Amino acid sequence: MSIKSFLKQINHTPHAKKLGLQLVTAEGCTITLKLPFNDSIIGDPINRYIHSGAITTLVDTACGVSIFQTQNNTRAMATLDLRIDHQRPAILGNEIFATAECYKLTHTIAFVNVTVYEDDITNPIATAVGTFMRSNKEFPHTE
């Protein structure tokens, strides 16, 4: 399976599959994923805010996809550290995007920045920075 084919099928983890995450773009070291809105991602039924777990899954998955894109293979990885700064709630009903850039790879560590937004990347819902341990083993997947 080519890296581009794999990246188009990002829903290899149960959380990403449940959320219906979709690859929008993948160029160079940067990718963008989309989290479609549906009522199941509402975490606060009174204020109708999106559950922070859905945002966290979007961010973590975007990081992984950007690393796959940057290293041009599906070498497995594990999240070492992921800091997410939630800046405002998402507007109910809007699709949410995460643009992630893997800005540095070492032999064993990958470093990623992420911006989460609706329609304007300059008005983020959240920003994140993460570090990931890189493995010598392939990410488990089926064709």
Protein backbone atom coordinates (compact mmCIF):
# COMPACT_ATOMS: atom_id res chain seq x y z
CA MET A 1 0.00 0.00 0.00
CA SER A 2 1.41 3.41 -0.93
CA ILE A 3 1.77 6.11 1.71
CA LYS A 4 -0.84 8.26 -0.07
CA SER A 5 -3.31 5.36 -0.11
CA PHE A 6 -2.68 4.74 3.57
CA LEU A 7 -3.13 8.40 4.49
CA LYS A 8 -6.50 8.48 2.73
CA GLN A 9 -7.61 5.70 5.09
CA ILE A 10 -6.72 7.34 8.39
CA ASN A 11 -9.45 5.64 10.36
CA HIS A 12 -7.29 2.74 11.53
CA THR A 13 -7.88 3.47 15.21
CA PRO A 14 -11.30 2.94 16.83
CA HIS A 15 -11.54 6.57 18.01
CA ALA A 16 -10.76 8.04 14.58
CA LYS A 17 -13.17 5.62 12.92
CA LYS A 18 -15.98 6.51 15.34
CA LEU A 19 -15.45 10.23 14.68
CA GLY A 20 -15.29 9.80 10.90
CA LEU A 21 -12.04 11.77 10.52
CA GLN A 22 -11.16 12.57 6.91
CA LEU A 23 -7.94 13.56 5.19
CA VAL A 24 -8.33 16.93 3.41
CA THR A 25 -4.76 17.66 2.26
CA ALA A 26 -1.29 16.16 2.58
CA GLU A 27 1.67 18.07 1.19
CA GLY A 28 5.26 18.10 2.37
CA CYS A 29 5.33 17.94 6.17
CA THR A 30 1.81 19.35 6.60
CA ILE A 31 -1.60 17.68 6.57
CA THR A 32 -5.15 18.77 7.29
CA LEU A 33 -7.86 16.51 8.73
CA LYS A 34 -11.58 17.20 9.04
CA LEU A 35 -13.86 16.24 11.93
CA PRO A 36 -17.42 16.28 10.57
CA PHE A 37 -20.04 17.56 12.99
CA ASN A 38 -22.62 15.18 14.42
CA ASP A 39 -24.58 15.20 17.67
CA SER A 40 -22.54 12.35 19.17
CA ILE A 41 -19.50 14.63 19.65
CA ILE A 42 -21.39 17.05 21.93
CA GLY A 43 -19.88 16.70 25.41
CA ASP A 44 -21.82 19.40 27.24
CA PRO A 45 -25.56 18.98 26.56
CA ILE A 46 -26.49 22.19 28.38
CA ASN A 47 -24.11 24.57 26.57
CA ARG A 48 -23.81 22.20 23.55
CA TYR A 49 -20.02 22.30 23.38
CA ILE A 50 -17.98 19.75 21.46
CA HIS A 51 -16.40 17.15 23.76
CA SER A 52 -12.72 17.84 24.36
CA GLY A 53 -12.02 14.14 23.76
CA ALA A 54 -13.14 14.54 20.14
CA ILE A 55 -10.73 17.47 19.73
CA THR A 56 -7.94 15.48 21.41
CA THR A 57 -8.49 12.51 19.08
CA LEU A 58 -8.48 14.86 16.08
CA VAL A 59 -5.20 16.43 17.24
CA ASP A 60 -3.46 13.14 18.07
CA THR A 61 -4.52 11.58 14.76
CA ALA A 62 -3.44 14.66 12.80
CA CYS A 63 -0.03 14.44 14.47
CA GLY A 64 0.33 10.80 13.47
CA VAL A 65 -0.74 11.43 9.88
CA SER A 66 1.68 14.35 9.54
CA ILE A 67 4.50 12.12 10.79
CA PHE A 68 3.60 9.39 8.28
CA GLN A 69 3.54 12.03 5.55
CA THR A 70 6.90 13.51 6.59
CA GLN A 71 8.76 10.21 6.97
CA ASN A 72 7.08 8.82 3.81
CA ASN A 73 6.32 5.50 5.46
CA THR A 74 4.01 4.01 8.05
CA ARG A 75 6.60 3.38 10.73
CA ALA A 76 4.71 3.03 14.01
CA MET A 77 4.86 5.67 16.75
CA ALA A 78 3.65 6.37 20.26
CA THR A 79 2.58 9.66 21.82
CA LEU A 80 5.16 10.79 24.38
CA ASP A 81 3.78 14.24 25.14
CA LEU A 82 0.79 16.14 23.79
CA ARG A 83 -0.12 19.58 25.05
CA ILE A 84 -3.39 21.08 23.82
CA ASP A 85 -4.34 24.68 24.61
CA HIS A 86 -8.11 25.04 24.20
CA GLN A 87 -8.74 28.68 23.32
CA ARG A 88 -12.47 28.80 22.67
CA PRO A 89 -15.42 26.46 22.10
CA ALA A 90 -16.25 25.35 18.58
CA ILE A 91 -19.39 26.74 16.97
CA LEU A 92 -22.03 24.05 17.11
CA GLY A 93 -22.74 22.43 13.77
CA ASN A 94 -19.48 23.44 12.06
CA GLU A 95 -16.92 21.03 10.70
CA ILE A 96 -13.62 21.24 12.57
CA PHE A 97 -10.22 21.08 10.91
CA ALA A 98 -6.77 20.29 12.26
CA THR A 99 -3.67 21.33 10.33
CA ALA A 100 -0.56 19.55 11.60
CA GLU A 101 3.08 20.09 10.65
CA CYS A 102 5.79 17.60 11.56
CA TYR A 103 8.58 20.16 11.80
CA LYS A 104 11.42 17.86 12.97
CA LEU A 105 12.29 14.18 12.78
CA THR A 106 15.17 12.57 14.61
CA HIS A 107 15.95 8.86 14.44
CA THR A 108 13.69 8.20 17.44
CA ILE A 109 11.51 11.30 18.00
CA ALA A 110 9.05 13.33 15.88
CA PHE A 111 7.96 16.90 16.75
CA VAL A 112 4.60 18.29 15.60
CA ASN A 113 2.61 21.56 15.81
CA VAL A 114 -1.17 21.60 15.28
CA THR A 115 -3.83 24.28 14.83
CA VAL A 116 -7.53 23.37 15.25
CA TYR A 117 -10.09 25.68 13.65
CA GLU A 118 -13.41 25.93 11.81
CA ASP A 119 -13.13 28.08 8.69
CA ASP A 120 -10.30 30.45 9.65
CA ILE A 121 -6.95 29.08 10.78
CA THR A 122 -6.12 32.50 12.29
CA ASN A 123 -9.02 32.09 14.77
CA PRO A 124 -8.11 28.76 16.40
CA ILE A 125 -10.25 26.63 18.64
CA ALA A 126 -7.05 25.08 19.98
CA THR A 127 -3.34 24.81 19.34
CA ALA A 128 -1.15 21.87 20.22
CA VAL A 129 2.42 20.66 20.29
CA GLY A 130 3.42 17.03 20.56
CA THR A 131 6.38 14.69 20.64
CA PHE A 132 6.18 11.11 19.44
CA MET A 133 8.48 8.11 19.77
CA ARG A 134 9.27 6.59 16.37
CA SER A 135 9.52 2.82 16.04
CA ASN A 136 11.34 0.60 13.58
CA LYS A 137 8.16 -1.45 13.11
CA GLU A 138 5.43 -0.77 10.59
CA PHE A 139 2.09 0.57 11.78
CA PRO A 140 -0.32 -2.40 11.80
CA HIS A 141 -2.80 -2.08 8.93
CA THR A 142 -4.53 -4.12 6.29
CA GLU A 143 -4.92 -3.31 2.63
